[in-house]
Amino acid sequence: MRRALVSVVLGWYALVPPLIGDRVNVSAPLSTWDQLRAFDTAEACENMMIGYAKQAAAQTDNQARLLARQVERVRCIHSSDPRLMAR
């Protein structure tokens, strides 16, 4: 009998909470958050978060401020976190 090979890629995801109108829904389940980027290490993800937070703080127009509020809440989550599977 042949077995199918399954490739498992482990890493870290930078996730941002979904928007509901002009509000950032931080209470939404992680499985509904949007993936901003993927990283090989937690350190790389954390460094990206710091950079995004600095950029977000400098935004001035309404749309950019909304995006900034979303990005300010970015979370680095391991790809095997079971909360990513829950719906």
Protein backbone atom coordinates (compact mmCIF):
# COMPACT_ATOMS: atom_id res chain seq x y z
CA MET A 1 0.00 0.00 0.00
CA ARG A 2 1.29 3.49 -0.90
CA ARG A 3 1.11 6.32 1.58
CA ALA A 4 0.59 9.89 0.56
CA LEU A 5 3.29 12.22 1.77
CA VAL A 6 1.97 15.22 3.63
CA SER A 7 4.09 18.31 3.84
CA VAL A 8 3.73 20.14 7.12
CA VAL A 9 5.04 23.67 7.19
CA LEU A 10 5.55 25.04 10.66
CA GLY A 11 6.18 28.67 11.28
CA TRP A 12 4.60 31.81 12.60
CA TYR A 13 1.75 33.90 11.25
CA ALA A 14 1.27 37.61 11.80
CA LEU A 15 -2.50 37.90 12.14
CA VAL A 16 -4.64 41.04 12.26
CA PRO A 17 -8.19 41.13 13.62
CA PRO A 18 -11.03 41.52 11.14
CA LEU A 19 -12.76 44.84 10.60
CA ILE A 20 -16.47 45.30 11.21
CA GLY A 21 -17.38 48.57 9.62
CA ASP A 22 -14.99 51.08 11.18
CA ARG A 23 -14.18 48.91 14.20
CA VAL A 24 -11.42 46.41 14.82
CA ASN A 25 -12.95 43.19 16.17
CA VAL A 26 -10.28 41.96 18.60
CA SER A 27 -12.75 39.56 20.23
CA ALA A 28 -13.22 37.57 17.01
CA PRO A 29 -11.87 33.99 17.07
CA LEU A 30 -8.30 33.74 15.78
CA SER A 31 -9.49 31.48 12.98
CA THR A 32 -11.26 34.51 11.47
CA TRP A 33 -8.29 36.89 11.69
CA ASP A 34 -6.49 37.84 8.47
CA GLN A 35 -2.97 36.61 7.80
CA LEU A 36 -0.72 39.57 7.23
CA ARG A 37 2.51 37.63 6.70
CA ALA A 38 4.20 34.32 7.52
CA PHE A 39 7.59 33.89 9.18
CA ASP A 40 10.05 31.13 9.95
CA THR A 41 10.67 32.35 13.50
CA ALA A 42 8.81 34.09 16.29
CA GLU A 43 11.62 36.65 16.50
CA ALA A 44 11.15 37.67 12.85
CA CYS A 45 7.41 38.03 13.43
CA GLU A 46 7.92 40.12 16.57
CA ASN A 47 10.40 42.40 14.77
CA MET A 48 7.87 42.99 12.01
CA MET A 49 5.23 43.86 14.62
CA ILE A 50 7.47 46.51 16.15
CA GLY A 51 8.09 48.09 12.76
CA TYR A 52 4.39 48.08 11.85
CA ALA A 53 3.44 49.66 15.18
CA LYS A 54 5.86 52.55 14.55
CA GLN A 55 4.48 53.09 11.05
CA ALA A 56 0.88 52.88 12.25
CA ALA A 57 1.43 55.58 14.87
CA ALA A 58 2.46 58.05 12.16
CA GLN A 59 -0.73 57.72 10.05
CA THR A 60 -2.96 60.78 9.64
CA ASP A 61 -5.91 60.22 7.25
CA ASN A 62 -9.05 58.29 8.32
CA GLN A 63 -8.52 55.15 6.23
CA ALA A 64 -4.88 54.93 7.25
CA ARG A 65 -5.80 55.37 10.93
CA LEU A 66 -8.32 52.53 10.67
CA LEU A 67 -5.68 50.29 9.12
CA ALA A 68 -3.24 51.46 11.81
CA ARG A 69 -5.67 50.42 14.57
CA GLN A 70 -5.95 47.01 12.96
CA VAL A 71 -2.19 46.61 12.53
CA GLU A 72 -1.50 47.81 16.09
CA ARG A 73 -3.28 44.66 17.25
CA VAL A 74 -1.27 42.24 15.12
CA ARG A 75 -0.45 38.98 16.90
CA CYS A 76 2.20 36.41 16.13
CA ILE A 77 0.68 32.94 16.33
CA HIS A 78 2.41 29.60 15.74
CA SER A 79 1.00 27.79 12.73
CA SER A 80 0.12 24.77 14.87
CA ASP A 81 -1.98 26.78 17.35
CA PRO A 82 -5.32 24.93 17.68
CA ARG A 83 -7.23 28.24 17.86
CA LEU A 84 -6.54 28.68 14.15
CA MET A 85 -8.67 25.62 13.39
CA ALA A 86 -11.70 26.51 15.52
CA ARG A 87 -14.57 28.16 13.74
